[in-house]
Amino acid sequence: MNLILSIKPEYVAEIEAGKKRFEFRKAIFKQKVGKVYIYASSPVSKVVGEFEPVVKFSHTLQLQ
């Protein structure tokens, strides 16, 4: 499954500059994610990048 993440242009710029390293979403994907396309929302309104996730995290945290 491939994804398109719509992100505001100011945050896309922060991601590209390395200032923003995480993008949190409410949804947890049940299928394996292949490619992720980054879509910069208005006024840019286009796909500006792509990547393939390499690390998987469990959504279950164990607190001690």
N, C-alpha and C. Protein backbone atom coordinates (compact mmCIF):
# COMPACT_ATOMS: atom_id res chain seq x y z
N MET A 1 0.84 -1.17 0.00
CA MET A 1 0.00 0.00 0.00
C MET A 1 0.89 1.24 0.00
N ASN A 2 0.59 2.16 -0.87
CA ASN A 2 1.28 3.44 -0.92
C ASN A 2 0.41 4.51 -0.27
N LEU A 3 1.05 5.55 0.27
CA LEU A 3 0.34 6.62 0.95
C LEU A 3 0.68 7.97 0.35
N ILE A 4 -0.26 8.89 0.46
CA ILE A 4 0.02 10.29 0.17
C ILE A 4 -0.25 11.06 1.46
N LEU A 5 0.77 11.74 1.97
CA LEU A 5 0.61 12.57 3.16
C LEU A 5 0.51 14.02 2.72
N SER A 6 -0.60 14.66 3.03
CA SER A 6 -0.78 16.07 2.72
C SER A 6 -0.23 16.88 3.90
N ILE A 7 0.75 17.72 3.61
CA ILE A 7 1.43 18.50 4.65
C ILE A 7 1.49 19.95 4.19
N LYS A 8 1.27 20.87 5.13
CA LYS A 8 1.34 22.29 4.81
C LYS A 8 2.75 22.66 4.35
N PRO A 9 2.86 23.55 3.36
CA PRO A 9 4.17 23.89 2.79
C PRO A 9 5.22 24.34 3.82
N GLU A 10 4.80 25.07 4.85
CA GLU A 10 5.79 25.51 5.84
C GLU A 10 6.40 24.33 6.60
N TYR A 11 5.62 23.27 6.80
CA TYR A 11 6.15 22.08 7.47
C TYR A 11 6.98 21.23 6.52
N VAL A 12 6.62 21.24 5.24
CA VAL A 12 7.45 20.55 4.25
C VAL A 12 8.85 21.17 4.22
N ALA A 13 8.91 22.50 4.28
CA ALA A 13 10.20 23.20 4.29
C ALA A 13 11.01 22.82 5.53
N GLU A 14 10.35 22.69 6.67
CA GLU A 14 11.05 22.29 7.90
C GLU A 14 11.55 20.85 7.81
N ILE A 15 10.76 19.98 7.18
CA ILE A 15 11.19 18.60 6.99
C ILE A 15 12.42 18.56 6.08
N GLU A 16 12.37 19.29 4.98
CA GLU A 16 13.50 19.33 4.04
C GLU A 16 14.76 19.89 4.69
N ALA A 17 14.60 20.87 5.59
CA ALA A 17 15.75 21.48 6.26
C ALA A 17 16.27 20.63 7.42
N GLY A 18 15.54 19.58 7.77
CA GLY A 18 15.96 18.72 8.88
C GLY A 18 15.53 19.24 10.24
N LYS A 19 14.72 20.29 10.28
CA LYS A 19 14.25 20.85 11.55
C LYS A 19 13.07 20.06 12.11
N LYS A 20 12.31 19.44 11.25
CA LYS A 20 11.15 18.64 11.65
C LYS A 20 11.42 17.20 11.26
N ARG A 21 11.46 16.32 12.25
CA ARG A 21 11.82 14.93 11.98
C ARG A 21 10.65 13.96 12.07
N PHE A 22 9.53 14.39 12.64
CA PHE A 22 8.41 13.49 12.84
C PHE A 22 7.11 14.13 12.34
N GLU A 23 6.24 13.30 11.81
CA GLU A 23 4.91 13.73 11.41
C GLU A 23 3.94 12.75 12.04
N PHE A 24 3.17 13.23 13.00
CA PHE A 24 2.25 12.37 13.72
C PHE A 24 0.87 12.38 13.07
N ARG A 25 0.28 11.20 12.99
CA ARG A 25 -1.06 11.03 12.42
C ARG A 25 -1.89 10.20 13.39
N LYS A 26 -3.19 10.42 13.37
CA LYS A 26 -4.08 9.67 14.25
C LYS A 26 -4.27 8.23 13.78
N ALA A 27 -4.21 8.01 12.49
CA ALA A 27 -4.47 6.68 11.92
C ALA A 27 -3.25 5.78 12.05
N ILE A 28 -3.52 4.53 12.35
CA ILE A 28 -2.48 3.50 12.35
C ILE A 28 -2.77 2.60 11.16
N PHE A 29 -1.79 2.40 10.32
CA PHE A 29 -1.99 1.64 9.10
C PHE A 29 -1.88 0.15 9.38
N LYS A 30 -2.87 -0.58 8.94
CA LYS A 30 -2.91 -2.02 9.20
C LYS A 30 -2.19 -2.81 8.12
N GLN A 31 -1.99 -2.21 6.97
CA GLN A 31 -1.28 -2.87 5.88
C GLN A 31 0.16 -2.35 5.84
N LYS A 32 1.03 -3.15 5.25
CA LYS A 32 2.42 -2.73 5.08
C LYS A 32 2.46 -1.52 4.14
N VAL A 33 3.22 -0.51 4.54
CA VAL A 33 3.35 0.71 3.73
C VAL A 33 4.56 0.57 2.82
N GLY A 34 4.34 0.72 1.53
CA GLY A 34 5.43 0.65 0.56
C GLY A 34 6.11 2.00 0.42
N LYS A 35 5.54 2.87 -0.39
CA LYS A 35 6.08 4.22 -0.58
C LYS A 35 5.16 5.25 0.06
N VAL A 36 5.78 6.33 0.52
CA VAL A 36 5.03 7.46 1.06
C VAL A 36 5.35 8.66 0.19
N TYR A 37 4.32 9.29 -0.35
CA TYR A 37 4.48 10.49 -1.16
C TYR A 37 4.11 11.69 -0.32
N ILE A 38 4.93 12.73 -0.36
CA ILE A 38 4.66 13.95 0.39
C ILE A 38 4.05 14.97 -0.55
N TYR A 39 2.82 15.36 -0.22
CA TYR A 39 2.08 16.34 -1.00
C TYR A 39 2.06 17.64 -0.22
N ALA A 40 2.61 18.71 -0.79
CA ALA A 40 2.56 20.03 -0.17
C ALA A 40 1.21 20.65 -0.54
N SER A 41 0.42 20.96 0.48
CA SER A 41 -0.92 21.50 0.23
C SER A 41 -0.85 22.92 -0.34
N SER A 42 -2.00 23.53 -0.51
CA SER A 42 -2.12 24.86 -1.13
C SER A 42 -1.25 25.89 -0.42
N PRO A 43 -0.58 26.76 -1.11
CA PRO A 43 -0.69 27.09 -2.52
C PRO A 43 0.25 26.28 -3.43
N VAL A 44 1.10 25.41 -2.89
CA VAL A 44 2.01 24.62 -3.73
C VAL A 44 1.23 23.58 -4.53
N SER A 45 0.42 22.80 -3.85
CA SER A 45 -0.49 21.82 -4.46
C SER A 45 0.18 20.84 -5.41
N LYS A 46 1.25 20.19 -4.92
CA LYS A 46 1.88 19.15 -5.74
C LYS A 46 2.70 18.21 -4.85
N VAL A 47 3.00 17.04 -5.42
CA VAL A 47 3.85 16.07 -4.73
C VAL A 47 5.28 16.58 -4.80
N VAL A 48 5.92 16.69 -3.63
CA VAL A 48 7.26 17.27 -3.58
C VAL A 48 8.33 16.28 -3.15
N GLY A 49 7.94 15.08 -2.77
CA GLY A 49 8.94 14.10 -2.36
C GLY A 49 8.32 12.74 -2.12
N GLU A 50 9.19 11.76 -1.93
CA GLU A 50 8.75 10.40 -1.63
C GLU A 50 9.83 9.70 -0.84
N PHE A 51 9.41 8.68 -0.09
CA PHE A 51 10.37 7.85 0.64
C PHE A 51 9.74 6.50 0.93
N GLU A 52 10.59 5.55 1.28
CA GLU A 52 10.13 4.23 1.70
C GLU A 52 10.48 4.07 3.17
N PRO A 53 9.50 3.77 4.02
CA PRO A 53 9.79 3.60 5.45
C PRO A 53 10.72 2.41 5.66
N VAL A 54 11.65 2.57 6.59
CA VAL A 54 12.60 1.50 6.86
C VAL A 54 12.52 0.99 8.30
N VAL A 55 11.82 1.70 9.16
CA VAL A 55 11.70 1.30 10.56
C VAL A 55 10.23 1.11 10.90
N LYS A 56 9.94 0.03 11.59
CA LYS A 56 8.57 -0.22 12.02
C LYS A 56 8.51 -0.08 13.54
N PHE A 57 7.48 0.58 14.01
CA PHE A 57 7.27 0.71 15.45
C PHE A 57 5.93 0.09 15.81
N SER A 58 5.88 -0.50 16.97
CA SER A 58 4.62 -1.03 17.47
C SER A 58 3.81 0.09 18.07
N HIS A 59 2.51 0.08 17.88
CA HIS A 59 1.66 1.10 18.47
C HIS A 59 1.37 0.81 19.94
N THR A 60 1.87 -0.31 20.45
CA THR A 60 1.65 -0.68 21.85
C THR A 60 2.88 -0.32 22.66
N LEU A 61 2.69 0.53 23.64
CA LEU A 61 3.79 0.91 24.52
C LEU A 61 3.67 0.15 25.83
N GLN A 62 4.80 -0.26 26.36
CA GLN A 62 4.80 -0.93 27.66
C GLN A 62 5.43 0.02 28.66
N LEU A 63 4.63 0.49 29.58
CA LEU A 63 5.11 1.41 30.61
C LEU A 63 5.49 0.63 31.86
N GLN A 64 6.57 1.02 32.48
CA GLN A 64 7.02 0.35 33.69
C GLN A 64 6.94 1.27 34.87
